[in-house]
PDB file of N, CA and C in Angstrom:
ATOM      1  N   MET A   1      31.034 -12.578  11.093  1.00  0.00           N
ATOM      2  CA  MET A   1      30.232 -13.698  11.222  1.00  0.00           C
ATOM      3  C   MET A   1      28.477 -13.114  11.339  1.00  0.00           C
ATOM      4  N   TYR A   2      27.697 -14.017  11.107  1.00  0.00           N
ATOM      5  CA  TYR A   2      26.354 -13.814  11.144  1.00  0.00           C
ATOM      6  C   TYR A   2      25.645 -13.727  12.602  1.00  0.00           C
ATOM      7  N   GLU A   3      25.280 -12.442  12.707  1.00  0.00           N
ATOM      8  CA  GLU A   3      24.578 -12.063  14.055  1.00  0.00           C
ATOM      9  C   GLU A   3      23.335 -11.494  13.727  1.00  0.00           C
ATOM     10  N   LEU A   4      22.156 -12.350  14.371  1.00  0.00           N
ATOM     11  CA  LEU A   4      20.804 -11.883  14.318  1.00  0.00           C
ATOM     12  C   LEU A   4      20.020 -11.679  15.567  1.00  0.00           C
ATOM     13  N   THR A   5      19.273 -10.794  15.763  1.00  0.00           N
ATOM     14  CA  THR A   5      18.442 -10.609  16.892  1.00  0.00           C
ATOM     15  C   THR A   5      17.378 -11.395  16.399  1.00  0.00           C
ATOM     16  N   LYS A   6      16.446 -11.917  17.589  1.00  0.00           N
ATOM     17  CA  LYS A   6      15.313 -12.766  17.150  1.00  0.00           C
ATOM     18  C   LYS A   6      14.442 -11.931  16.251  1.00  0.00           C
ATOM     19  N   HIS A   7      13.935 -10.695  16.390  1.00  0.00           N
ATOM     20  CA  HIS A   7      13.175 -10.030  15.449  1.00  0.00           C
ATOM     21  C   HIS A   7      13.830 -10.001  13.988  1.00  0.00           C
ATOM     22  N   GLU A   8      15.025 -10.028  13.774  1.00  0.00           N
ATOM     23  CA  GLU A   8      15.693  -9.956  12.595  1.00  0.00           C
ATOM     24  C   GLU A   8      15.457 -11.298  11.848  1.00  0.00           C
ATOM     25  N   GLU A   9      15.745 -12.377  12.898  1.00  0.00           N
ATOM     26  CA  GLU A   9      15.430 -13.751  12.244  1.00  0.00           C
ATOM     27  C   GLU A   9      14.073 -13.898  11.719  1.00  0.00           C
ATOM     28  N   LEU A  10      13.056 -13.728  12.839  1.00  0.00           N
ATOM     29  CA  LEU A  10      11.713 -13.739  12.067  1.00  0.00           C
ATOM     30  C   LEU A  10      11.289 -13.106  11.039  1.00  0.00           C
ATOM     31  N   ILE A  11      11.767 -11.673  10.862  1.00  0.00           N
ATOM     32  CA  ILE A  11      11.458 -10.978   9.584  1.00  0.00           C
ATOM     33  C   ILE A  11      12.251 -11.542   8.467  1.00  0.00           C
ATOM     34  N   LEU A  12      13.344 -12.149   8.647  1.00  0.00           N
ATOM     35  CA  LEU A  12      14.111 -13.008   7.414  1.00  0.00           C
ATOM     36  C   LEU A  12      13.134 -14.044   7.048  1.00  0.00           C
ATOM     37  N   ILE A  13      12.834 -14.988   8.071  1.00  0.00           N
ATOM     38  CA  ILE A  13      11.801 -16.051   7.885  1.00  0.00           C
ATOM     39  C   ILE A  13      10.618 -15.550   7.046  1.00  0.00           C
ATOM     40  N   SER A  14      10.056 -14.506   7.481  1.00  0.00           N
ATOM     41  CA  SER A  14       8.871 -13.990   6.739  1.00  0.00           C
ATOM     42  C   SER A  14       9.018 -13.614   5.281  1.00  0.00           C
ATOM     43  N   ILE A  15      10.265 -12.961   5.088  1.00  0.00           N
ATOM     44  CA  ILE A  15      10.705 -12.538   3.799  1.00  0.00           C
ATOM     45  C   ILE A  15      10.669 -13.686   2.881  1.00  0.00           C
ATOM     46  N   TRP A  16      11.386 -14.681   3.426  1.00  0.00           N
ATOM     47  CA  TRP A  16      11.562 -16.208   2.629  1.00  0.00           C
ATOM     48  C   TRP A  16      10.084 -16.599   2.077  1.00  0.00           C
ATOM     49  N   LYS A  17       9.451 -16.645   3.342  1.00  0.00           N
ATOM     50  CA  LYS A  17       7.868 -17.381   3.233  1.00  0.00           C
ATOM     51  C   LYS A  17       7.113 -16.644   2.112  1.00  0.00           C
ATOM     52  N   LEU A  18       7.167 -15.251   2.235  1.00  0.00           N
ATOM     53  CA  LEU A  18       6.260 -14.548   1.381  1.00  0.00           C
ATOM     54  C   LEU A  18       6.683 -14.247  -0.017  1.00  0.00           C
ATOM     55  N   LYS A  19       8.028 -14.624  -0.303  1.00  0.00           N
ATOM     56  CA  LYS A  19       8.698 -14.423  -1.607  1.00  0.00           C
ATOM     57  C   LYS A  19       8.414 -13.093  -2.204  1.00  0.00           C
ATOM     58  N   ASP A  20       7.581 -13.010  -3.396  1.00  0.00           N
ATOM     59  CA  ASP A  20       7.388 -11.690  -4.115  1.00  0.00           C
ATOM     60  C   ASP A  20       6.246 -10.843  -3.549  1.00  0.00           C
ATOM     61  N   ASN A  21       5.734 -11.209  -2.373  1.00  0.00           N
ATOM     62  CA  ASN A  21       4.721 -10.556  -1.477  1.00  0.00           C
ATOM     63  C   ASN A  21       5.240  -9.884  -0.355  1.00  0.00           C
ATOM     64  N   ALA A  22       6.608  -9.678  -0.297  1.00  0.00           N
ATOM     65  CA  ALA A  22       7.230  -9.443   1.040  1.00  0.00           C
ATOM     66  C   ALA A  22       7.410  -7.793   1.095  1.00  0.00           C
ATOM     67  N   TYR A  23       6.404  -7.138   1.784  1.00  0.00           N
ATOM     68  CA  TYR A  23       6.475  -5.765   1.998  1.00  0.00           C
ATOM     69  C   TYR A  23       5.978  -5.461   3.291  1.00  0.00           C
ATOM     70  N   GLY A  24       5.872  -4.204   3.791  1.00  0.00           N
ATOM     71  CA  GLY A  24       5.426  -3.885   5.191  1.00  0.00           C
ATOM     72  C   GLY A  24       4.385  -4.257   5.724  1.00  0.00           C
ATOM     73  N   VAL A  25       3.180  -4.352   5.170  1.00  0.00           N
ATOM     74  CA  VAL A  25       1.792  -4.859   5.596  1.00  0.00           C
ATOM     75  C   VAL A  25       1.828  -6.389   5.653  1.00  0.00           C
ATOM     76  N   THR A  26       2.274  -7.064   4.520  1.00  0.00           N
ATOM     77  CA  THR A  26       2.318  -8.562   4.751  1.00  0.00           C
ATOM     78  C   THR A  26       3.396  -8.962   5.786  1.00  0.00           C
ATOM     79  N   LEU A  27       4.487  -8.283   6.016  1.00  0.00           N
ATOM     80  CA  LEU A  27       5.549  -8.664   6.920  1.00  0.00           C
ATOM     81  C   LEU A  27       4.775  -8.516   8.208  1.00  0.00           C
ATOM     82  N   LYS A  28       4.281  -7.471   8.554  1.00  0.00           N
ATOM     83  CA  LYS A  28       3.611  -7.372   9.786  1.00  0.00           C
ATOM     84  C   LYS A  28       2.611  -8.382  10.231  1.00  0.00           C
ATOM     85  N   LYS A  29       1.655  -8.616   9.222  1.00  0.00           N
ATOM     86  CA  LYS A  29       0.796  -9.640   9.374  1.00  0.00           C
ATOM     87  C   LYS A  29       1.491 -11.045   9.424  1.00  0.00           C
ATOM     88  N   ASP A  30       2.309 -11.298   8.908  1.00  0.00           N
ATOM     89  CA  ASP A  30       2.997 -12.708   9.087  1.00  0.00           C
ATOM     90  C   ASP A  30       3.811 -12.686  10.351  1.00  0.00           C
ATOM     91  N   PHE A  31       4.429 -11.608  10.791  1.00  0.00           N
ATOM     92  CA  PHE A  31       4.935 -11.731  12.172  1.00  0.00           C
ATOM     93  C   PHE A  31       4.017 -11.971  13.301  1.00  0.00           C
ATOM     94  N   VAL A  32       2.953 -11.248  13.144  1.00  0.00           N
ATOM     95  CA  VAL A  32       1.862 -11.460  14.072  1.00  0.00           C
ATOM     96  C   VAL A  32       1.321 -12.819  14.120  1.00  0.00           C
ATOM     97  N   SER A  33       1.082 -13.339  12.894  1.00  0.00           N
ATOM     98  CA  SER A  33       0.767 -14.835  12.686  1.00  0.00           C
ATOM     99  C   SER A  33       1.661 -15.852  13.348  1.00  0.00           C
ATOM    100  N   THR A  34       2.920 -15.638  13.217  1.00  0.00           N
ATOM    101  CA  THR A  34       3.905 -16.493  13.746  1.00  0.00           C
ATOM    102  C   THR A  34       4.094 -16.362  15.025  1.00  0.00           C
ATOM    103  N   THR A  35       4.306 -15.235  15.602  1.00  0.00           N
ATOM    104  CA  THR A  35       4.648 -15.033  16.998  1.00  0.00           C
ATOM    105  C   THR A  35       3.405 -14.809  17.971  1.00  0.00           C
ATOM    106  N   GLY A  36       2.341 -14.377  17.500  1.00  0.00           N
ATOM    107  CA  GLY A  36       1.241 -14.020  18.343  1.00  0.00           C
ATOM    108  C   GLY A  36       1.458 -12.795  18.960  1.00  0.00           C
ATOM    109  N   LYS A  37       2.307 -11.895  18.604  1.00  0.00           N
ATOM    110  CA  LYS A  37       2.696 -10.738  19.205  1.00  0.00           C
ATOM    111  C   LYS A  37       2.662  -9.399  18.163  1.00  0.00           C
ATOM    112  N   GLN A  38       2.337  -8.438  18.362  1.00  0.00           N
ATOM    113  CA  GLN A  38       2.280  -7.385  17.650  1.00  0.00           C
ATOM    114  C   GLN A  38       3.717  -6.776  17.444  1.00  0.00           C
ATOM    115  N   ILE A  39       3.893  -6.019  16.223  1.00  0.00           N
ATOM    116  CA  ILE A  39       5.068  -5.263  15.832  1.00  0.00           C
ATOM    117  C   ILE A  39       4.649  -3.987  15.291  1.00  0.00           C
ATOM    118  N   ASN A  40       5.090  -2.808  15.901  1.00  0.00           N
ATOM    119  CA  ASN A  40       4.567  -1.726  15.274  1.00  0.00           C
ATOM    120  C   ASN A  40       5.527  -1.275  14.106  1.00  0.00           C
ATOM    121  N   TYR A  41       4.949  -0.544  13.185  1.00  0.00           N
ATOM    122  CA  TYR A  41       5.792  -0.301  11.929  1.00  0.00           C
ATOM    123  C   TYR A  41       7.051   0.229  12.168  1.00  0.00           C
ATOM    124  N   GLY A  42       7.238   1.310  13.016  1.00  0.00           N
ATOM    125  CA  GLY A  42       8.560   1.836  13.296  1.00  0.00           C
ATOM    126  C   GLY A  42       9.577   0.730  13.701  1.00  0.00           C
ATOM    127  N   SER A  43       9.059  -0.298  14.513  1.00  0.00           N
ATOM    128  CA  SER A  43      10.170  -1.441  14.979  1.00  0.00           C
ATOM    129  C   SER A  43      10.352  -2.385  13.551  1.00  0.00           C
ATOM    130  N   LEU A  44       9.370  -2.474  12.898  1.00  0.00           N
ATOM    131  CA  LEU A  44       9.559  -3.241  11.544  1.00  0.00           C
ATOM    132  C   LEU A  44      10.423  -2.606  10.716  1.00  0.00           C
ATOM    133  N   CYS A  45      10.287  -1.302  10.537  1.00  0.00           N
ATOM    134  CA  CYS A  45      11.153  -0.443   9.504  1.00  0.00           C
ATOM    135  C   CYS A  45      12.509  -0.484  10.035  1.00  0.00           C
ATOM    136  N   LYS A  46      12.648  -0.212  11.112  1.00  0.00           N
ATOM    137  CA  LYS A  46      13.898  -0.099  11.858  1.00  0.00           C
ATOM    138  C   LYS A  46      14.745  -1.459  11.460  1.00  0.00           C
ATOM    139  N   THR A  47      14.064  -2.614  11.763  1.00  0.00           N
ATOM    140  CA  THR A  47      14.667  -4.027  11.576  1.00  0.00           C
ATOM    141  C   THR A  47      15.087  -4.152  10.093  1.00  0.00           C
ATOM    142  N   LEU A  48      14.256  -3.693   9.230  1.00  0.00           N
ATOM    143  CA  LEU A  48      14.217  -3.853   7.767  1.00  0.00           C
ATOM    144  C   LEU A  48      15.504  -2.981   7.315  1.00  0.00           C
ATOM    145  N   TYR A  49      15.780  -1.857   7.896  1.00  0.00           N
ATOM    146  CA  TYR A  49      16.570  -0.907   7.524  1.00  0.00           C
ATOM    147  C   TYR A  49      18.149  -1.604   8.007  1.00  0.00           C
ATOM    148  N   LYS A  50      18.014  -2.153   9.138  1.00  0.00           N
ATOM    149  CA  LYS A  50      19.265  -2.873   9.613  1.00  0.00           C
ATOM    150  C   LYS A  50      19.753  -3.956   8.987  1.00  0.00           C
ATOM    151  N   LEU A  51      18.637  -4.834   8.336  1.00  0.00           N
ATOM    152  CA  LEU A  51      19.105  -5.939   7.671  1.00  0.00           C
ATOM    153  C   LEU A  51      19.514  -5.526   6.159  1.00  0.00           C
ATOM    154  N   VAL A  52      18.860  -4.585   5.571  1.00  0.00           N
ATOM    155  CA  VAL A  52      19.563  -3.939   4.257  1.00  0.00           C
ATOM    156  C   VAL A  52      20.843  -3.504   4.597  1.00  0.00           C
ATOM    157  N   LYS A  53      21.169  -2.907   5.675  1.00  0.00           N
ATOM    158  CA  LYS A  53      22.467  -2.420   5.846  1.00  0.00           C
ATOM    159  C   LYS A  53      23.580  -3.477   5.997  1.00  0.00           C
ATOM    160  N   LYS A  54      23.017  -4.472   6.705  1.00  0.00           N
ATOM    161  CA  LYS A  54      23.912  -5.625   6.821  1.00  0.00           C
ATOM    162  C   LYS A  54      24.007  -6.567   5.493  1.00  0.00           C
ATOM    163  N   GLY A  55      23.207  -6.222   4.521  1.00  0.00           N
ATOM    164  CA  GLY A  55      23.587  -6.906   3.192  1.00  0.00           C
ATOM    165  C   GLY A  55      22.519  -8.383   3.465  1.00  0.00           C
ATOM    166  N   TYR A  56      21.785  -8.426   4.271  1.00  0.00           N
ATOM    167  CA  TYR A  56      20.807  -9.542   4.290  1.00  0.00           C
ATOM    168  C   TYR A  56      19.489  -9.687   3.584  1.00  0.00           C
ATOM    169  N   ILE A  57      19.136  -8.430   3.236  1.00  0.00           N
ATOM    170  CA  ILE A  57      18.074  -8.180   2.220  1.00  0.00           C
ATOM    171  C   ILE A  57      18.244  -7.074   1.348  1.00  0.00           C
ATOM    172  N   SER A  58      17.384  -7.077   0.202  1.00  0.00           N
ATOM    173  CA  SER A  58      17.315  -5.970  -0.725  1.00  0.00           C
ATOM    174  C   SER A  58      16.037  -5.398  -0.714  1.00  0.00           C
ATOM    175  N   SER A  59      16.053  -4.046  -1.064  1.00  0.00           N
ATOM    176  CA  SER A  59      14.569  -3.406  -1.298  1.00  0.00           C
ATOM    177  C   SER A  59      14.424  -2.862  -2.679  1.00  0.00           C
ATOM    178  N   ASP A  60      13.276  -2.832  -3.078  1.00  0.00           N
ATOM    179  CA  ASP A  60      13.100  -2.413  -4.516  1.00  0.00           C
ATOM    180  C   ASP A  60      11.468  -1.929  -4.436  1.00  0.00           C
ATOM    181  N   GLU A  61      11.357  -0.876  -5.102  1.00  0.00           N
ATOM    182  CA  GLU A  61       9.845  -0.426  -5.214  1.00  0.00           C
ATOM    183  C   GLU A  61       9.109  -0.999  -6.252  1.00  0.00           C
ATOM    184  N   SER A  62       7.895  -1.211  -5.961  1.00  0.00           N
ATOM    185  CA  SER A  62       7.011  -1.769  -6.998  1.00  0.00           C
ATOM    186  C   SER A  62       6.497  -0.598  -7.776  1.00  0.00           C
ATOM    187  N   ASP A  63       5.780  -1.308  -8.874  1.00  0.00           N
ATOM    188  CA  ASP A  63       5.095  -0.283  -9.624  1.00  0.00           C
ATOM    189  C   ASP A  63       3.833   0.250  -8.778  1.00  0.00           C
ATOM    190  N   PRO A  64       3.353   1.647  -9.121  1.00  0.00           N
ATOM    191  CA  PRO A  64       2.253   2.133  -8.197  1.00  0.00           C
ATOM    192  C   PRO A  64       1.030   1.188  -8.554  1.00  0.00           C
ATOM    193  N   VAL A  65       0.285   1.072  -7.292  1.00  0.00           N
ATOM    194  CA  VAL A  65      -0.916   0.120  -7.399  1.00  0.00           C
ATOM    195  C   VAL A  65      -2.066   0.856  -8.352  1.00  0.00           C
ATOM    196  N   SER A  66      -2.816   0.026  -9.051  1.00  0.00           N
ATOM    197  CA  SER A  66      -3.577   0.612 -10.113  1.00  0.00           C
ATOM    198  C   SER A  66      -4.662   1.636  -9.609  1.00  0.00           C
ATOM    199  N   GLN A  67      -4.990   1.618  -8.407  1.00  0.00           N
ATOM    200  CA  GLN A  67      -6.082   2.587  -8.142  1.00  0.00           C
ATOM    201  C   GLN A  67      -5.632   3.824  -7.933  1.00  0.00           C
ATOM    202  N   GLN A  68      -6.586   5.050  -7.997  1.00  0.00           N
ATOM    203  CA  GLN A  68      -6.230   6.325  -7.981  1.00  0.00           C
ATOM    204  C   GLN A  68      -5.724   6.735  -6.557  1.00  0.00           C
ATOM    205  N   GLY A  69      -4.472   7.493  -6.841  1.00  0.00           N
ATOM    206  CA  GLY A  69      -3.536   7.639  -5.796  1.00  0.00           C
ATOM    207  C   GLY A  69      -2.836   6.404  -5.310  1.00  0.00           C
ATOM    208  N   GLY A  70      -2.651   5.544  -6.127  1.00  0.00           N
ATOM    209  CA  GLY A  70      -2.017   4.392  -5.728  1.00  0.00           C
ATOM    210  C   GLY A  70      -0.553   4.632  -5.362  1.00  0.00           C
ATOM    211  N   ARG A  71       0.022   3.983  -4.301  1.00  0.00           N
ATOM    212  CA  ARG A  71       1.361   4.165  -4.044  1.00  0.00           C
ATOM    213  C   ARG A  71       2.150   2.850  -4.570  1.00  0.00           C
ATOM    214  N   ARG A  72       3.492   3.198  -4.170  1.00  0.00           N
ATOM    215  CA  ARG A  72       4.458   2.175  -4.506  1.00  0.00           C
ATOM    216  C   ARG A  72       4.739   1.382  -3.186  1.00  0.00           C
ATOM    217  N   LYS A  73       5.039   0.087  -3.573  1.00  0.00           N
ATOM    218  CA  LYS A  73       5.229  -0.531  -2.321  1.00  0.00           C
ATOM    219  C   LYS A  73       6.856  -0.934  -2.265  1.00  0.00           C
ATOM    220  N   VAL A  74       7.347  -0.974  -1.057  1.00  0.00           N
ATOM    221  CA  VAL A  74       8.696  -1.261  -0.926  1.00  0.00           C
ATOM    222  C   VAL A  74       8.603  -2.804  -0.804  1.00  0.00           C
ATOM    223  N   MET A  75       9.388  -3.550  -1.800  1.00  0.00           N
ATOM    224  CA  MET A  75       9.431  -5.032  -1.562  1.00  0.00           C
ATOM    225  C   MET A  75      10.582  -5.438  -1.183  1.00  0.00           C
ATOM    226  N   TYR A  76      10.621  -6.486  -0.471  1.00  0.00           N
ATOM    227  CA  TYR A  76      12.125  -7.045   0.177  1.00  0.00           C
ATOM    228  C   TYR A  76      12.376  -8.424  -0.396  1.00  0.00           C
ATOM    229  N   THR A  77      13.572  -8.528  -0.571  1.00  0.00           N
ATOM    230  CA  THR A  77      14.128  -9.856  -0.830  1.00  0.00           C
ATOM    231  C   THR A  77      15.286 -10.356  -0.235  1.00  0.00           C
ATOM    232  N   LEU A  78      15.402 -11.652   0.110  1.00  0.00           N
ATOM    233  CA  LEU A  78      16.332 -12.252   0.965  1.00  0.00           C
ATOM    234  C   LEU A  78      17.652 -12.086  -0.023  1.00  0.00           C
ATOM    235  N   THR A  79      18.904 -11.874   0.285  1.00  0.00           N
ATOM    236  CA  THR A  79      20.206 -11.845  -0.453  1.00  0.00           C
ATOM    237  C   THR A  79      20.725 -13.306  -0.139  1.00  0.00           C
ATOM    238  N   LYS A  80      21.893 -13.655  -0.746  1.00  0.00           N
ATOM    239  CA  LYS A  80      22.444 -14.997  -0.593  1.00  0.00           C
ATOM    240  C   LYS A  80      22.816 -14.796   0.757  1.00  0.00           C
ATOM    241  N   GLU A  81      23.481 -13.582   1.301  1.00  0.00           N
ATOM    242  CA  GLU A  81      23.912 -13.519   2.673  1.00  0.00           C
ATOM    243  C   GLU A  81      23.011 -13.528   3.535  1.00  0.00           C
ATOM    244  N   GLY A  82      21.736 -13.209   3.332  1.00  0.00           N
ATOM    245  CA  GLY A  82      20.733 -13.325   4.369  1.00  0.00           C
ATOM    246  C   GLY A  82      20.284 -14.901   4.453  1.00  0.00           C
ATOM    247  N   GLN A  83      20.268 -15.526   3.284  1.00  0.00           N
ATOM    248  CA  GLN A  83      19.989 -16.859   3.259  1.00  0.00           C
ATOM    249  C   GLN A  83      20.921 -17.607   3.942  1.00  0.00           C
ATOM    250  N   ASN A  84      22.309 -17.331   3.932  1.00  0.00           N
ATOM    251  CA  ASN A  84      23.306 -17.822   4.642  1.00  0.00           C
ATOM    252  C   ASN A  84      23.207 -17.588   6.043  1.00  0.00           C
ATOM    253  N   ALA A  85      22.731 -16.345   6.520  1.00  0.00           N
ATOM    254  CA  ALA A  85      22.731 -16.035   7.852  1.00  0.00           C
ATOM    255  C   ALA A  85      21.591 -16.837   8.583  1.00  0.00           C
ATOM    256  N   LEU A  86      20.326 -17.051   7.925  1.00  0.00           N
ATOM    257  CA  LEU A  86      19.358 -17.820   8.524  1.00  0.00           C
ATOM    258  C   LEU A  86      19.860 -19.278   8.592  1.00  0.00           C
ATOM    259  N   ARG A  87      20.613 -19.900   7.681  1.00  0.00           N
ATOM    260  CA  ARG A  87      21.003 -21.303   7.775  1.00  0.00           C
ATOM    261  C   ARG A  87      21.813 -21.211   8.844  1.00  0.00           C
ATOM    262  N   HIS A  88      22.733 -20.286   9.187  1.00  0.00           N
ATOM    263  CA  HIS A  88      23.617 -20.271  10.298  1.00  0.00           C
ATOM    264  C   HIS A  88      22.946 -20.120  11.664  1.00  0.00           C
ATOM    265  N   GLN A  89      21.718 -19.310  11.613  1.00  0.00           N
ATOM    266  CA  GLN A  89      21.050 -19.425  12.830  1.00  0.00           C
ATOM    267  C   GLN A  89      20.308 -20.611  13.232  1.00  0.00           C
ATOM    268  N   TYR A  90      19.787 -21.266  12.015  1.00  0.00           N
ATOM    269  CA  TYR A  90      18.952 -22.542  12.059  1.00  0.00           C
ATOM    270  C   TYR A  90      19.988 -23.442  12.690  1.00  0.00           C
ATOM    271  N   LYS A  91      21.350 -23.577  12.339  1.00  0.00           N
ATOM    272  CA  LYS A  91      22.221 -24.821  12.841  1.00  0.00           C
ATOM    273  C   LYS A  91      22.531 -24.453  14.383  1.00  0.00           C
ATOM    274  N   ILE A  92      22.715 -23.191  14.725  1.00  0.00           N
ATOM    275  CA  ILE A  92      22.902 -22.973  16.125  1.00  0.00           C
ATOM    276  C   ILE A  92      21.725 -23.465  16.982  1.00  0.00           C
ATOM    277  N   GLN A  93      20.498 -23.080  16.695  1.00  0.00           N
ATOM    278  CA  GLN A  93      19.402 -23.391  17.313  1.00  0.00           C
ATOM    279  C   GLN A  93      19.057 -24.966  17.334  1.00  0.00           C
ATOM    280  N   LYS A  94      19.359 -25.463  16.290  1.00  0.00           N
ATOM    281  CA  LYS A  94      19.124 -27.154  16.086  1.00  0.00           C
ATOM    282  C   LYS A  94      20.081 -27.638  17.187  1.00  0.00           C
ATOM    283  N   THR A  95      21.312 -27.261  17.108  1.00  0.00           N
ATOM    284  CA  THR A  95      22.362 -27.777  18.167  1.00  0.00           C
ATOM    285  C   THR A  95      21.915 -27.564  19.764  1.00  0.00           C
ATOM    286  N   ALA A  96      21.661 -26.464  19.709  1.00  0.00           N
ATOM    287  CA  ALA A  96      21.105 -26.164  21.238  1.00  0.00           C
ATOM    288  C   ALA A  96      19.922 -26.774  21.704  1.00  0.00           C
ATOM    289  N   TRP A  97      18.965 -26.901  20.954  1.00  0.00           N
ATOM    290  CA  TRP A  97      17.803 -27.648  21.086  1.00  0.00           C
ATOM    291  C   TRP A  97      18.102 -29.166  21.187  1.00  0.00           C
ATOM    292  N   GLU A  98      18.802 -29.650  20.424  1.00  0.00           N
ATOM    293  CA  GLU A  98      19.141 -30.969  20.585  1.00  0.00           C
ATOM    294  C   GLU A  98      19.880 -31.513  21.729  1.00  0.00           C
ATOM    295  N   SER A  99      20.403 -30.400  22.234  1.00  0.00           N
ATOM    296  CA  SER A  99      21.401 -30.860  23.506  1.00  0.00           C
ATOM    297  C   SER A  99      20.516 -30.985  24.698  1.00  0.00           C
ATOM    298  N   ILE A 100      19.269 -30.465  24.777  1.00  0.00           N
ATOM    299  CA  ILE A 100      18.319 -30.762  25.678  1.00  0.00           C
ATOM    300  C   ILE A 100      17.126 -31.434  25.434  1.00  0.00           C
ATOM    301  N   SER A 101      17.135 -32.577  24.508  1.00  0.00           N
ATOM    302  CA  SER A 101      16.176 -33.367  24.067  1.00  0.00           C
ATOM    303  C   SER A 101      15.414 -33.994  25.110  1.00  0.00           C
ATOM    304  N   ASP A 102      15.887 -34.260  26.282  1.00  0.00           N
ATOM    305  CA  ASP A 102      15.169 -34.613  27.158  1.00  0.00           C
ATOM    306  C   ASP A 102      14.152 -33.669  27.692  1.00  0.00           C
ATOM    307  N   LEU A 103      14.302 -32.364  27.532  1.00  0.00           N
ATOM    308  CA  LEU A 103      13.361 -31.463  27.825  1.00  0.00           C
ATOM    309  C   LEU A 103      12.073 -31.441  26.949  1.00  0.00           C
ATOM    310  N   ILE A 104      12.510 -31.780  25.673  1.00  0.00           N
ATOM    311  CA  ILE A 104      11.543 -31.646  24.580  1.00  0.00           C
ATOM    312  C   ILE A 104      10.474 -32.798  24.690  1.00  0.00           C
ATOM    313  N   ILE A 105      10.950 -33.960  25.054  1.00  0.00           N
ATOM    314  CA  ILE A 105      10.328 -35.095  25.453  1.00  0.00           C
ATOM    315  C   ILE A 105       9.287 -34.927  26.641  1.00  0.00           C
ATOM    316  N   GLU A 106       9.654 -34.220  27.731  1.00  0.00           N
ATOM    317  CA  GLU A 106       8.957 -34.023  28.805  1.00  0.00           C
ATOM    318  C   GLU A 106       7.864 -33.075  28.415  1.00  0.00           C
ATOM    319  N   ILE A 107       7.920 -32.164  27.317  1.00  0.00           N
ATOM    320  CA  ILE A 107       7.123 -31.445  26.880  1.00  0.00           C
ATOM    321  C   ILE A 107       5.894 -32.122  26.282  1.00  0.00           C
ATOM    322  N   LYS A 108       6.014 -32.933  25.533  1.00  0.00           N
ATOM    323  CA  LYS A 108       5.255 -33.758  24.619  1.00  0.00           C
ATOM    324  C   LYS A 108       4.295 -34.570  25.669  1.00  0.00           C
TER     325      LYS A 108
END
C-alpha cells in the first residue's frame, strides 16, 4: 500500500508542480515556499532516494549547463505509482478533514 511521510508527500507535490524543472535547487525552493520551513540538501536527497527506491519517482541527468564547467542536473519525474500514491494520500486527508468540518468552520 502507499505510505508517505509528510516530507515525501510535499516533495512529490513539488515534483508534480515543477514538471520538467524538478531538480534539487528548485525542489528546495518550492518546499520552503510551500511550508515556510527550510530543508537541507542532505534531507532532501535522502527523501528523493527513498522515493526513487519506492518507485514513486524516476531520475534522469540533464545535459550539461552551457556555461563553462557546467554540471548536469538530476531531474525528477513522478511515475504512475507516485501519482497513485499522491491520490491515495489526498483521499485519506480529505476524508480526515471532512470528519472535523466543524473545526474548519470555526477557523474561518
